[in-house]
Amino acid sequence: MAHAKYIFVTGGVTSSLGKGIIAASLAKLLQARGLRVTIQKLDPYINVDPGTLNPYEHGECYVTEDGAETDLDLGHYERFLNVNTSQANNVTTGRIYQSVIEKERRGEFLGKTVQVIPHITDEIKHRIQKLGKSGDYDVVITEIGGTVGDIESLPYIESVRQLKWELGDRNSLVIHLTLVPYLKAAGELKTKPTQHSIKTLMESGVQADILVCRTEHELSEDIRMKLARFCNVKLEAVIQSIDVETIYDVPNKMLEQGLDTVVIKKMLLRTGDTPDLTNWNKFLKRHKNPKSEITIGLIGKYVELQDSYKSILESFIHAGAENEVSVKIESIHSEHLEIDQLKEHLSHLDGVLVAPGFGERGIAGKIEAVRYAREKGIPFFGICLGMQMAVIEYSRNVLGLEDANSVEMDPKTSNPVISLMEDQKDILDMGGTMRLGAWDCELKSGKIKEIYKQSMISERHRHRYEFNNEYLERLENAGLKSTGINPKSGLVEVIEIPDHPWFIGVQYHPEYKSTVAKPHPLFVSFVAAAAKFKKGRK
């Protein structure tokens, strides 16, 4: 296939309908037919990237191999496709305007008046086609964030209109995701919101080719015909997306509805006859038929919004299926975790995970949770800040350094067991001090090396503060071992307590690399250890 073809996914009526899951599911079906597929997300907010957004605002910030801080939907794309994304897969309005303004400052527009059309829309079109022109993909699926009609989304919709005209027939199509609500009082599904949504899209000059309808009830043939007629799409292109037990059911549901078949027919794609979902369905079978259940306590400070820890929660689903175990997650707010409540909150758990995060709030609760898991022999997993909390807890309660802390929490601590590297200290730009993206880690010994079954690994990072190597020898002599280091900088990446059933802290984010096809080995091992702990306790 000489040139990539483009699929645009828009949304209407309301947000949070699941454009990312529909996009990922369609991509999975096309990939399973032998096509090379990637997905990108266009976000209409003016932040340059999600890196500075509070998790309560937009869920977790997902980090790619090349160090891009991106929307959490890219996590879905990678988990479904088992293919890495990059900076090019996530574009924000902030980044678009920043690029155009920088070009204007350099004089690239030769003194012309810079406007939304053509300058902003040209930049958007360039970003959309960047992946397609690489030669690596047959199909590029572009998810447009927000809801049709939002003022922020207008330049993106206009760019889609222009691209559809420029690319020509069969080289692009638009899928519009909408809601068909059920009115209990009337006892019927209502199509009017969808009709209005399509009308709004058409006012911008874009005609949807396929309608994907989120619904809690089955769409009757009459409803589908009505939608097809009033929304100007073929009957076969009215696709039902009914609520399902798990997001991993959606590819099969879209296969049943024929979404991939309609796309292939409309775009004249050359593919295999049927998608091969053998391994996907094996995963689903294990996920839905567990042989036992465990309870993991997730200790964090953004637990009110589950999307704040989306990749961690999905990693537990992958690892649970691998172990044929149902992983029940109990979210525990670290800010509300008092010393006299530890037994009540933690004693029944089969494993404790202290989550990543930034800032001082909720730190005391995290440290006490680490101490409880360490002293009671409960399997413990610390990720990023969670690993740093384990170092602080051990320094205070085993080494006896009562004021041991991170300079993030206490810049004046006399025992900065977690600190900034020397070359970071004079950087004022917050983003400039971050260690982001894939970094190598050499595994020296211990459980971590047994888990990975190799000596050199690469994992993704997103943090600012580091283990202070001045305390390394004292901590190791006291029983907290450093079993993974960055070979170039000597920075500690992994800590373990060999005398504990399962106590591992990692400076990186393993959850970013867990997929359906390749569950992350650390999560798989942690879940197995928690199941063993529960069995032993019985």
Protein backbone atom coordinates (compact mmCIF):
# COMPACT_ATOMS: atom_id res chain seq x y z
CA MET A 1 0.00 0.00 0.00
CA ALA A 2 1.78 3.13 -1.25
CA HIS A 3 0.06 5.81 0.82
CA ALA A 4 -1.52 5.68 4.25
CA LYS A 5 -5.27 6.15 4.54
CA TYR A 6 -6.83 8.28 7.26
CA ILE A 7 -9.74 7.63 9.61
CA PHE A 8 -11.04 10.47 11.81
CA VAL A 9 -13.01 9.76 14.99
CA THR A 10 -15.16 12.60 16.31
CA GLY A 11 -17.58 12.68 19.22
CA GLY A 12 -20.92 14.32 19.89
CA VAL A 13 -23.67 14.85 22.50
CA THR A 14 -21.39 14.36 25.52
CA SER A 15 -17.81 13.69 26.47
CA SER A 16 -16.47 10.40 27.91
CA LEU A 17 -18.30 8.21 25.36
CA GLY A 18 -15.14 6.24 24.70
CA LYS A 19 -13.71 7.57 21.43
CA GLY A 20 -10.31 6.22 22.46
CA ILE A 21 -11.63 2.71 23.05
CA ILE A 22 -13.55 2.70 19.75
CA ALA A 23 -10.45 3.95 17.92
CA ALA A 24 -8.26 1.34 19.63
CA SER A 25 -10.77 -1.43 18.95
CA LEU A 26 -11.04 -0.60 15.25
CA ALA A 27 -7.24 -0.40 15.07
CA LYS A 28 -6.99 -3.82 16.73
CA LEU A 29 -9.37 -5.35 14.17
CA LEU A 30 -7.49 -3.83 11.23
CA GLN A 31 -4.15 -4.89 12.74
CA ALA A 32 -5.52 -8.43 13.23
CA ARG A 33 -6.26 -8.47 9.50
CA GLY A 34 -2.61 -7.75 8.71
CA LEU A 35 -2.58 -3.96 8.34
CA ARG A 36 -0.02 -1.65 9.94
CA VAL A 37 -2.06 0.77 12.06
CA THR A 38 -1.34 3.65 14.42
CA ILE A 39 -3.60 6.03 16.33
CA GLN A 40 -3.07 9.67 17.27
CA LYS A 41 -4.97 11.98 19.60
CA LEU A 42 -5.67 15.65 18.90
CA ASP A 43 -6.46 17.43 22.16
CA PRO A 44 -8.22 20.81 21.98
CA TYR A 45 -6.89 22.27 25.25
CA ILE A 46 -4.25 25.01 25.19
CA ASN A 47 -1.78 23.29 27.53
CA VAL A 48 1.31 22.34 25.52
CA ASP A 49 1.09 18.81 26.94
CA PRO A 50 -0.66 17.02 29.83
CA GLY A 51 2.55 17.01 31.90
CA THR A 52 1.52 20.05 33.95
CA LEU A 53 -2.12 19.02 34.37
CA ASN A 54 -3.39 17.81 37.74
CA PRO A 55 -4.54 14.16 37.44
CA TYR A 56 -7.97 15.26 38.70
CA GLU A 57 -8.25 17.45 35.59
CA HIS A 58 -7.42 14.93 32.88
CA GLY A 59 -6.52 11.58 34.43
CA GLU A 60 -3.01 10.19 34.33
CA CYS A 61 -0.24 11.59 32.16
CA TYR A 62 1.00 8.77 29.93
CA VAL A 63 4.68 8.72 28.92
CA THR A 64 5.95 7.29 25.63
CA GLU A 65 9.32 5.69 24.86
CA ASP A 66 10.66 8.96 23.44
CA GLY A 67 9.74 10.86 26.61
CA ALA A 68 6.57 12.59 25.44
CA GLU A 69 4.04 13.41 28.17
CA THR A 70 0.73 12.56 26.55
CA ASP A 71 -2.97 11.92 26.97
CA LEU A 72 -3.99 8.70 28.74
CA ASP A 73 -5.73 7.48 25.56
CA LEU A 74 -2.28 6.70 24.15
CA GLY A 75 -2.06 4.10 26.90
CA HIS A 76 -5.16 2.41 25.47
CA TYR A 77 -3.63 2.52 22.00
CA GLU A 78 -0.45 0.78 23.17
CA ARG A 79 -2.24 -1.75 25.39
CA PHE A 80 -4.54 -2.80 22.52
CA LEU A 81 -2.01 -2.77 19.68
CA ASN A 82 1.24 -3.67 21.49
CA VAL A 83 2.93 -1.00 19.34
CA ASN A 84 4.82 1.98 20.78
CA THR A 85 3.49 5.50 20.27
CA SER A 86 5.54 8.71 20.24
CA GLN A 87 5.36 12.48 20.50
CA ALA A 88 3.77 12.52 17.03
CA ASN A 89 0.78 10.53 18.35
CA ASN A 90 -0.45 13.32 20.65
CA VAL A 91 -1.02 16.91 19.52
CA THR A 92 -2.52 19.72 21.61
CA THR A 93 -3.81 23.13 20.61
CA GLY A 94 -1.05 24.61 22.77
CA ARG A 95 1.62 22.81 20.76
CA ILE A 96 -0.03 23.83 17.44
CA TYR A 97 -0.16 27.51 18.35
CA GLN A 98 3.32 27.41 19.87
CA SER A 99 4.73 26.02 16.62
CA VAL A 100 2.90 28.57 14.44
CA ILE A 101 3.97 31.50 16.63
CA GLU A 102 7.60 30.32 16.58
CA LYS A 103 7.46 30.17 12.76
CA GLU A 104 5.99 33.69 12.66
CA ARG A 105 8.79 34.97 14.91
CA ARG A 106 11.37 33.43 12.58
CA GLY A 107 9.77 35.20 9.62
CA GLU A 108 8.67 32.04 7.84
CA PHE A 109 5.33 33.58 6.81
CA LEU A 110 7.09 36.47 5.04
CA GLY A 111 5.16 39.19 6.81
CA LYS A 112 1.70 37.82 6.05
CA THR A 113 -1.16 38.09 8.53
CA VAL A 114 -1.17 34.87 10.54
CA GLN A 115 -4.68 33.40 10.82
CA VAL A 116 -6.52 30.28 11.95
CA ILE A 117 -7.12 29.50 8.26
CA PRO A 118 -4.73 28.68 6.65
CA HIS A 119 -1.86 28.78 9.16
CA ILE A 120 -3.31 26.92 12.16
CA THR A 121 -5.22 24.44 9.98
CA ASP A 122 -2.11 23.83 7.83
CA GLU A 123 -0.12 23.02 10.98
CA ILE A 124 -2.84 20.63 12.14
CA LYS A 125 -2.91 18.92 8.74
CA HIS A 126 0.88 18.61 8.81
CA ARG A 127 0.74 16.94 12.24
CA ILE A 128 -2.05 14.58 11.15
CA GLN A 129 -0.11 13.44 8.07
CA LYS A 130 3.30 13.19 9.75
CA LEU A 131 2.80 9.55 10.77
CA GLY A 132 1.14 8.63 7.47
CA LYS A 133 4.04 10.00 5.43
CA SER A 134 6.62 8.01 7.43
CA GLY A 135 5.90 4.91 5.36
CA ASP A 136 5.45 2.83 8.52
CA TYR A 137 1.66 2.62 8.45
CA ASP A 138 -1.17 1.62 6.12
CA VAL A 139 -3.85 3.33 8.23
CA VAL A 140 -3.67 6.31 10.59
CA ILE A 141 -6.63 6.72 12.95
CA THR A 142 -6.97 10.23 14.36
CA GLU A 143 -9.12 10.76 17.44
CA ILE A 144 -10.29 14.35 17.87
CA GLY A 145 -10.77 15.22 21.53
CA GLY A 146 -13.72 17.14 22.91
CA THR A 147 -17.25 17.28 21.52
CA VAL A 148 -18.44 18.54 18.14
CA GLY A 149 -19.68 22.10 18.60
CA ASP A 150 -17.04 23.04 21.17
CA ILE A 151 -15.32 26.27 20.14
CA GLU A 152 -11.91 24.66 20.86
CA SER A 153 -12.52 21.85 18.36
CA LEU A 154 -13.48 24.03 15.37
CA PRO A 155 -9.97 24.32 13.84
CA TYR A 156 -9.60 20.52 14.01
CA ILE A 157 -12.96 19.89 12.33
CA GLU A 158 -12.08 22.44 9.64
CA SER A 159 -8.75 20.64 9.11
CA VAL A 160 -10.63 17.35 8.68
CA ARG A 161 -12.92 19.00 6.13
CA GLN A 162 -9.94 20.23 4.13
CA LEU A 163 -8.10 16.92 4.35
CA LYS A 164 -11.12 14.92 3.19
CA TRP A 165 -11.24 17.14 0.10
CA GLU A 166 -7.48 16.99 -0.49
CA LEU A 167 -7.07 13.25 0.04
CA GLY A 168 -9.96 12.33 -2.22
CA ASP A 169 -12.47 9.50 -2.17
CA ARG A 170 -11.52 6.17 -0.54
CA ASN A 171 -8.50 7.68 1.24
CA SER A 172 -10.27 9.04 4.31
CA LEU A 173 -13.48 8.70 6.27
CA VAL A 174 -15.11 10.09 9.39
CA ILE A 175 -16.53 7.99 12.22
CA HIS A 176 -18.82 9.93 14.54
CA LEU A 177 -19.36 8.55 18.04
CA THR A 178 -22.59 9.63 19.63
CA LEU A 179 -25.04 8.83 22.41
CA VAL A 180 -28.50 7.35 21.97
CA PRO A 181 -30.03 7.88 25.44
CA TYR A 182 -32.85 5.81 26.93
CA LEU A 183 -35.64 7.78 28.58
CA LYS A 184 -37.06 5.58 31.31
CA ALA A 185 -40.27 7.61 31.68
CA ALA A 186 -41.03 7.27 27.97
CA GLY A 187 -39.61 3.75 27.78
CA GLU A 188 -37.75 4.44 24.54
CA LEU A 189 -34.43 5.34 22.97
CA LYS A 190 -34.18 8.89 21.61
CA THR A 191 -32.34 9.74 18.39
CA LYS A 192 -32.74 13.53 18.51
CA PRO A 193 -29.40 14.26 20.30
CA THR A 194 -27.58 12.27 17.59
CA GLN A 195 -29.44 14.10 14.82
CA HIS A 196 -28.42 17.46 16.34
CA SER A 197 -24.83 16.29 16.72
CA ILE A 198 -24.61 15.25 13.07
CA LYS A 199 -26.25 18.55 12.05
CA THR A 200 -23.56 20.46 13.99
CA LEU A 201 -20.85 18.44 12.26
CA MET A 202 -22.39 19.10 8.84
CA GLU A 203 -22.56 22.83 9.59
CA SER A 204 -18.75 22.68 9.61
CA GLY A 205 -18.79 20.99 6.21
CA VAL A 206 -18.07 17.44 7.41
CA GLN A 207 -20.37 14.50 6.66
CA ALA A 208 -19.92 11.44 8.89
CA ASP A 209 -19.43 8.21 6.95
CA ILE A 210 -20.04 5.89 9.91
CA LEU A 211 -22.15 6.40 13.02
CA VAL A 212 -21.15 4.55 16.20
CA CYS A 213 -23.94 4.78 18.77
CA ARG A 214 -23.26 4.33 22.47
CA THR A 215 -26.34 2.85 24.11
CA GLU A 216 -27.51 0.94 27.17
CA HIS A 217 -30.17 -0.89 25.17
CA GLU A 218 -30.19 -2.73 21.84
CA LEU A 219 -30.97 -0.56 18.83
CA SER A 220 -34.00 -1.84 16.95
CA GLU A 221 -34.00 -1.99 13.14
CA ASP A 222 -36.46 0.94 13.13
CA ILE A 223 -34.11 3.07 15.25
CA ARG A 224 -31.15 2.21 13.01
CA MET A 225 -33.13 3.07 9.89
CA LYS A 226 -34.21 6.36 11.42
CA LEU A 227 -30.62 7.24 12.31
CA ALA A 228 -29.40 6.27 8.84
CA ARG A 229 -32.07 8.37 7.12
CA PHE A 230 -31.77 11.50 9.24
CA CYS A 231 -27.98 11.38 9.57
CA ASN A 232 -27.38 10.63 5.89
CA VAL A 233 -25.36 7.41 6.35
CA LYS A 234 -25.90 3.92 4.98
CA LEU A 235 -27.84 1.50 7.20
CA GLU A 236 -24.83 -0.85 7.46
CA ALA A 237 -22.81 2.12 8.73
CA VAL A 238 -25.00 2.59 11.83
CA ILE A 239 -22.95 0.69 14.41
CA GLN A 240 -24.25 -0.15 17.86
CA SER A 241 -21.82 0.20 20.77
CA ILE A 242 -23.65 -1.23 23.75
CA ASP A 243 -22.29 -1.14 27.30
CA VAL A 244 -20.00 -4.11 28.01
CA GLU A 245 -18.42 -5.84 30.99
CA THR A 246 -14.86 -4.74 30.13
CA ILE A 247 -13.27 -2.44 27.55
CA TYR A 248 -11.45 -5.51 26.21
CA ASP A 249 -14.83 -6.82 24.95
CA VAL A 250 -15.21 -3.88 22.56
CA PRO A 251 -13.09 -5.25 19.65
CA ASN A 252 -15.27 -8.37 19.53
CA LYS A 253 -18.44 -6.27 19.74
CA MET A 254 -17.24 -4.05 16.89
CA LEU A 255 -16.40 -7.21 14.91
CA GLU A 256 -19.96 -8.50 15.45
CA GLN A 257 -21.34 -5.16 14.29
CA GLY A 258 -19.13 -5.19 11.20
CA LEU A 259 -17.32 -1.89 11.88
CA ASP A 260 -14.07 -3.15 10.35
CA THR A 261 -15.93 -4.59 7.33
CA VAL A 262 -17.65 -1.25 6.60
CA VAL A 263 -14.33 0.61 6.92
CA ILE A 264 -12.52 -1.84 4.61
CA LYS A 265 -15.31 -1.63 2.03
CA LYS A 266 -15.48 2.17 2.07
CA MET A 267 -11.69 2.63 1.85
CA LEU A 268 -10.94 -0.30 -0.49
CA LEU A 269 -8.33 -1.66 1.95
CA ARG A 270 -6.52 -4.83 0.95
CA THR A 271 -6.60 -7.14 3.99
CA GLY A 272 -7.05 -10.71 5.13
CA ASP A 273 -10.56 -12.15 5.12
CA THR A 274 -11.01 -12.32 8.90
CA PRO A 275 -9.13 -10.81 11.84
CA ASP A 276 -7.01 -13.20 13.92
CA LEU A 277 -8.05 -12.53 17.54
CA THR A 278 -6.91 -15.90 18.92
CA ASN A 279 -4.49 -14.53 21.54
CA TRP A 280 -6.81 -11.65 22.39
CA ASN A 281 -9.65 -14.05 23.16
CA LYS A 282 -7.35 -16.33 25.18
CA PHE A 283 -6.59 -13.31 27.37
CA LEU A 284 -10.30 -12.49 27.66
CA LYS A 285 -11.13 -16.06 28.66
CA ARG A 286 -8.52 -16.04 31.44
CA HIS A 287 -9.63 -12.58 32.56
CA LYS A 288 -13.29 -13.61 32.82
CA ASN A 289 -12.71 -17.04 34.41
CA PRO A 290 -10.31 -16.51 37.33
CA LYS A 291 -9.57 -19.39 39.68
CA SER A 292 -9.12 -17.18 42.75
CA GLU A 293 -9.26 -13.58 43.95
CA ILE A 294 -6.79 -11.29 45.70
CA THR A 295 -7.11 -7.79 47.15
CA ILE A 296 -4.44 -5.19 46.48
CA GLY A 297 -4.38 -1.89 48.33
CA LEU A 298 -3.52 1.02 46.03
CA ILE A 299 -2.17 3.79 48.26
CA GLY A 300 -2.35 7.15 46.48
CA LYS A 301 -3.59 10.69 46.73
CA TYR A 302 -5.69 10.92 43.57
CA VAL A 303 -7.81 7.83 44.24
CA GLU A 304 -11.16 9.63 43.85
CA LEU A 305 -10.58 9.63 40.08
CA GLN A 306 -9.73 6.14 38.82
CA ASP A 307 -8.28 7.52 35.58
CA SER A 308 -5.45 9.01 37.67
CA TYR A 309 -3.94 5.51 37.89
CA LYS A 310 -5.34 4.10 34.64
CA SER A 311 -2.19 2.30 33.48
CA ILE A 312 -1.66 0.69 36.89
CA LEU A 313 -5.24 -0.58 37.02
CA GLU A 314 -5.00 -1.99 33.49
CA SER A 315 -1.63 -3.61 34.31
CA PHE A 316 -3.32 -5.48 37.14
CA ILE A 317 -5.96 -6.74 34.69
CA HIS A 318 -3.22 -8.06 32.38
CA ALA A 319 -1.24 -9.62 35.24
CA GLY A 320 -4.39 -11.05 36.83
CA ALA A 321 -5.33 -12.80 33.59
CA GLU A 322 -1.80 -14.16 33.26
CA ASN A 323 -2.10 -15.67 36.77
CA GLU A 324 -5.78 -16.61 36.33
CA VAL A 325 -6.50 -14.43 39.36
CA SER A 326 -9.12 -11.73 39.81
CA VAL A 327 -7.36 -8.65 41.21
CA LYS A 328 -9.64 -6.54 43.37
CA ILE A 329 -8.21 -3.04 43.84
CA GLU A 330 -8.96 -1.24 47.09
CA SER A 331 -8.17 2.45 46.69
CA ILE A 332 -6.87 4.03 49.90
CA HIS A 333 -6.31 7.78 50.18
CA SER A 334 -2.87 8.29 51.71
CA GLU A 335 -3.85 11.68 53.14
CA HIS A 336 -6.47 10.03 55.33
CA LEU A 337 -4.32 7.08 56.44
CA GLU A 338 -3.53 7.58 60.13
CA ILE A 339 -1.17 5.42 62.21
CA ASP A 340 -3.99 4.14 64.45
CA GLN A 341 -5.99 3.11 61.33
CA LEU A 342 -3.29 1.07 59.60
CA LYS A 343 -4.49 -2.32 60.84
CA GLU A 344 -8.08 -1.53 59.90
CA HIS A 345 -7.15 -0.44 56.36
CA LEU A 346 -4.25 -2.75 55.55
CA SER A 347 -4.34 -5.98 57.60
CA HIS A 348 -6.72 -7.81 55.22
CA LEU A 349 -4.78 -6.93 52.08
CA ASP A 350 -2.83 -9.48 50.05
CA GLY A 351 -0.51 -6.84 48.62
CA VAL A 352 0.25 -3.13 48.94
CA LEU A 353 1.16 -0.82 46.03
CA VAL A 354 2.27 2.71 46.84
CA ALA A 355 1.52 4.78 43.76
CA PRO A 356 3.47 7.49 41.94
CA GLY A 357 2.78 11.18 42.49
CA PHE A 358 4.25 14.61 43.10
CA GLY A 359 4.22 16.96 46.09
CA GLU A 360 4.03 16.77 49.87
CA ARG A 361 0.33 16.03 50.37
CA GLY A 362 -0.40 12.50 51.63
CA ILE A 363 3.26 11.57 52.12
CA ALA A 364 2.98 10.57 55.80
CA GLY A 365 0.27 8.01 54.98
CA LYS A 366 2.38 6.48 52.21
CA ILE A 367 5.38 6.11 54.52
CA GLU A 368 3.27 4.42 57.19
CA ALA A 369 1.77 2.06 54.61
CA VAL A 370 5.29 1.05 53.52
CA ARG A 371 6.27 0.42 57.14
CA TYR A 372 3.20 -1.73 57.79
CA ALA A 373 3.80 -3.87 54.67
CA ARG A 374 7.50 -4.25 55.51
CA GLU A 375 6.96 -5.25 59.12
CA LYS A 376 4.00 -7.57 58.45
CA GLY A 377 5.60 -9.32 55.46
CA ILE A 378 2.85 -8.22 53.05
CA PRO A 379 4.02 -8.13 49.39
CA PHE A 380 4.97 -4.52 48.65
CA PHE A 381 5.40 -2.74 45.32
CA GLY A 382 6.57 0.89 45.19
CA ILE A 383 6.47 2.79 41.89
CA CYS A 384 8.46 6.02 41.42
CA LEU A 385 7.42 8.12 44.45
CA GLY A 386 6.38 4.83 46.06
CA MET A 387 9.98 3.60 45.77
CA GLN A 388 11.24 6.87 47.27
CA MET A 389 8.83 6.50 50.19
CA ALA A 390 10.27 3.02 50.84
CA VAL A 391 13.79 4.51 50.97
CA ILE A 392 12.66 7.24 53.38
CA GLU A 393 10.78 4.77 55.59
CA TYR A 394 13.77 2.40 55.79
CA SER A 395 16.16 5.28 56.49
CA ARG A 396 13.99 6.52 59.35
CA ASN A 397 12.91 3.29 60.98
CA VAL A 398 15.83 0.94 60.34
CA LEU A 399 18.87 3.24 59.91
CA GLY A 400 17.55 5.56 62.62
CA LEU A 401 17.77 8.76 60.57
CA GLU A 402 14.61 10.29 62.03
CA ASP A 403 14.56 13.34 59.74
CA ALA A 404 15.39 11.42 56.54
CA ASN A 405 13.35 12.90 53.72
CA SER A 406 13.20 13.96 50.09
CA VAL A 407 14.24 17.51 49.28
CA GLU A 408 10.92 17.69 47.41
CA MET A 409 9.13 17.56 50.77
CA ASP A 410 11.76 19.22 52.97
CA PRO A 411 14.46 21.23 51.13
CA LYS A 412 16.34 21.76 54.42
CA THR A 413 16.42 18.14 55.65
CA SER A 414 19.81 17.16 57.09
CA ASN A 415 19.40 13.65 55.62
CA PRO A 416 18.27 14.06 51.98
CA VAL A 417 18.07 10.38 51.06
CA ILE A 418 16.11 11.50 47.97
CA SER A 419 17.55 14.53 46.20
CA LEU A 420 18.14 16.33 42.91
CA MET A 421 21.20 15.52 40.84
CA GLU A 422 23.81 18.28 40.82
CA ASP A 423 23.14 19.22 37.19
CA GLN A 424 19.43 19.68 37.96
CA LYS A 425 19.73 22.11 40.85
CA ASP A 426 20.16 25.32 38.84
CA ILE A 427 17.38 24.61 36.31
CA LEU A 428 14.36 26.87 36.92
CA ASP A 429 12.00 25.39 34.27
CA MET A 430 10.14 22.57 36.04
CA GLY A 431 10.00 20.43 32.89
CA GLY A 432 13.75 20.81 32.44
CA THR A 433 14.56 18.82 35.57
CA MET A 434 12.47 15.78 34.65
CA ARG A 435 13.92 12.42 33.68
CA LEU A 436 11.49 11.32 30.96
CA GLY A 437 11.09 8.39 28.58
CA ALA A 438 13.05 5.17 28.19
CA TRP A 439 16.27 4.75 30.22
CA ASP A 440 18.46 1.67 30.53
CA CYS A 441 18.73 -0.20 33.80
CA GLU A 442 21.31 -2.86 34.63
CA LEU A 443 19.97 -5.56 36.95
CA LYS A 444 22.72 -6.71 39.30
CA SER A 445 21.09 -9.48 41.33
CA GLY A 446 18.07 -10.33 43.45
CA LYS A 447 14.44 -11.04 42.77
CA ILE A 448 14.25 -8.32 40.10
CA LYS A 449 16.75 -10.16 37.89
CA GLU A 450 14.83 -13.43 38.33
CA ILE A 451 11.61 -11.65 37.32
CA TYR A 452 12.98 -10.05 34.13
CA LYS A 453 15.22 -13.04 33.26
CA GLN A 454 17.80 -10.65 31.78
CA SER A 455 20.55 -8.29 32.92
CA MET A 456 19.75 -5.15 30.91
CA ILE A 457 16.29 -3.65 30.63
CA SER A 458 14.79 -0.38 29.40
CA GLU A 459 11.91 1.27 31.24
CA ARG A 460 10.07 4.58 31.06
CA HIS A 461 10.59 7.35 33.59
CA ARG A 462 8.73 10.43 34.73
CA HIS A 463 10.25 12.00 37.82
CA ARG A 464 12.45 14.79 39.10
CA TYR A 465 14.12 13.49 42.25
CA GLU A 466 16.60 10.62 42.64
CA PHE A 467 17.98 8.19 45.21
CA ASN A 468 20.95 9.92 46.91
CA ASN A 469 23.95 7.61 46.42
CA GLU A 470 25.69 9.11 49.47
CA TYR A 471 23.39 6.90 51.57
CA LEU A 472 23.71 3.78 49.39
CA GLU A 473 26.36 1.92 51.39
CA ARG A 474 24.66 2.53 54.76
CA LEU A 475 21.27 1.41 53.45
CA GLU A 476 22.70 -1.70 51.80
CA ASN A 477 24.55 -2.66 54.99
CA ALA A 478 21.23 -2.29 56.83
CA GLY A 479 19.46 -4.70 54.44
CA LEU A 480 17.93 -2.46 51.72
CA LYS A 481 19.67 -3.58 48.54
CA SER A 482 20.12 -1.67 45.30
CA THR A 483 19.59 -4.32 42.60
CA GLY A 484 19.20 -2.13 39.51
CA ILE A 485 21.19 0.92 38.39
CA ASN A 486 21.40 3.17 35.36
CA PRO A 487 24.72 2.15 33.74
CA LYS A 488 25.67 5.67 32.59
CA SER A 489 24.77 7.77 35.63
CA GLY A 490 25.00 5.17 38.41
CA LEU A 491 21.56 6.26 39.63
CA VAL A 492 19.63 3.67 41.64
CA GLU A 493 16.62 2.33 39.75
CA VAL A 494 15.54 -0.63 41.91
CA ILE A 495 15.57 -1.36 45.64
CA GLU A 496 14.73 -4.67 47.34
CA ILE A 497 14.62 -6.26 50.77
CA PRO A 498 15.91 -9.82 50.22
CA ASP A 499 14.61 -11.02 53.61
CA HIS A 500 11.04 -9.98 52.76
CA PRO A 501 8.64 -12.27 50.79
CA TRP A 502 8.26 -9.62 48.03
CA PHE A 503 9.45 -6.05 48.62
CA ILE A 504 10.47 -4.14 45.48
CA GLY A 505 10.57 -0.45 44.67
CA VAL A 506 11.34 0.87 41.20
CA GLN A 507 12.16 4.44 40.18
CA TYR A 508 10.59 3.93 36.75
CA HIS A 509 6.97 3.34 35.64
CA PRO A 510 6.52 -0.31 34.58
CA GLU A 511 2.77 0.22 34.11
CA TYR A 512 3.41 2.18 30.90
CA LYS A 513 4.75 -0.92 29.14
CA SER A 514 2.13 -3.50 30.12
CA THR A 515 -0.08 -4.64 27.23
CA VAL A 516 -2.65 -7.37 26.59
CA ALA A 517 -0.09 -9.26 24.49
CA LYS A 518 2.79 -8.68 26.97
CA PRO A 519 1.71 -8.25 30.61
CA HIS A 520 4.51 -6.57 32.53
CA PRO A 521 6.66 -9.16 34.37
CA LEU A 522 6.82 -7.07 37.57
CA PHE A 523 3.04 -6.91 37.85
CA VAL A 524 2.76 -10.62 36.98
CA SER A 525 5.25 -11.50 39.73
CA PHE A 526 3.64 -9.15 42.28
CA VAL A 527 0.18 -10.64 41.66
CA ALA A 528 1.62 -14.16 41.98
CA ALA A 529 3.30 -13.18 45.27
CA ALA A 530 0.05 -11.70 46.61
CA ALA A 531 -1.84 -14.90 45.68
CA LYS A 532 0.82 -16.97 47.44
CA PHE A 533 0.65 -14.69 50.50
CA LYS A 534 -3.12 -15.07 50.69
CA LYS A 535 -2.88 -18.85 50.36
CA GLY A 536 -0.22 -19.02 53.11
CA ARG A 537 -2.30 -16.87 55.44
CA LYS A 538 -5.28 -19.20 55.05
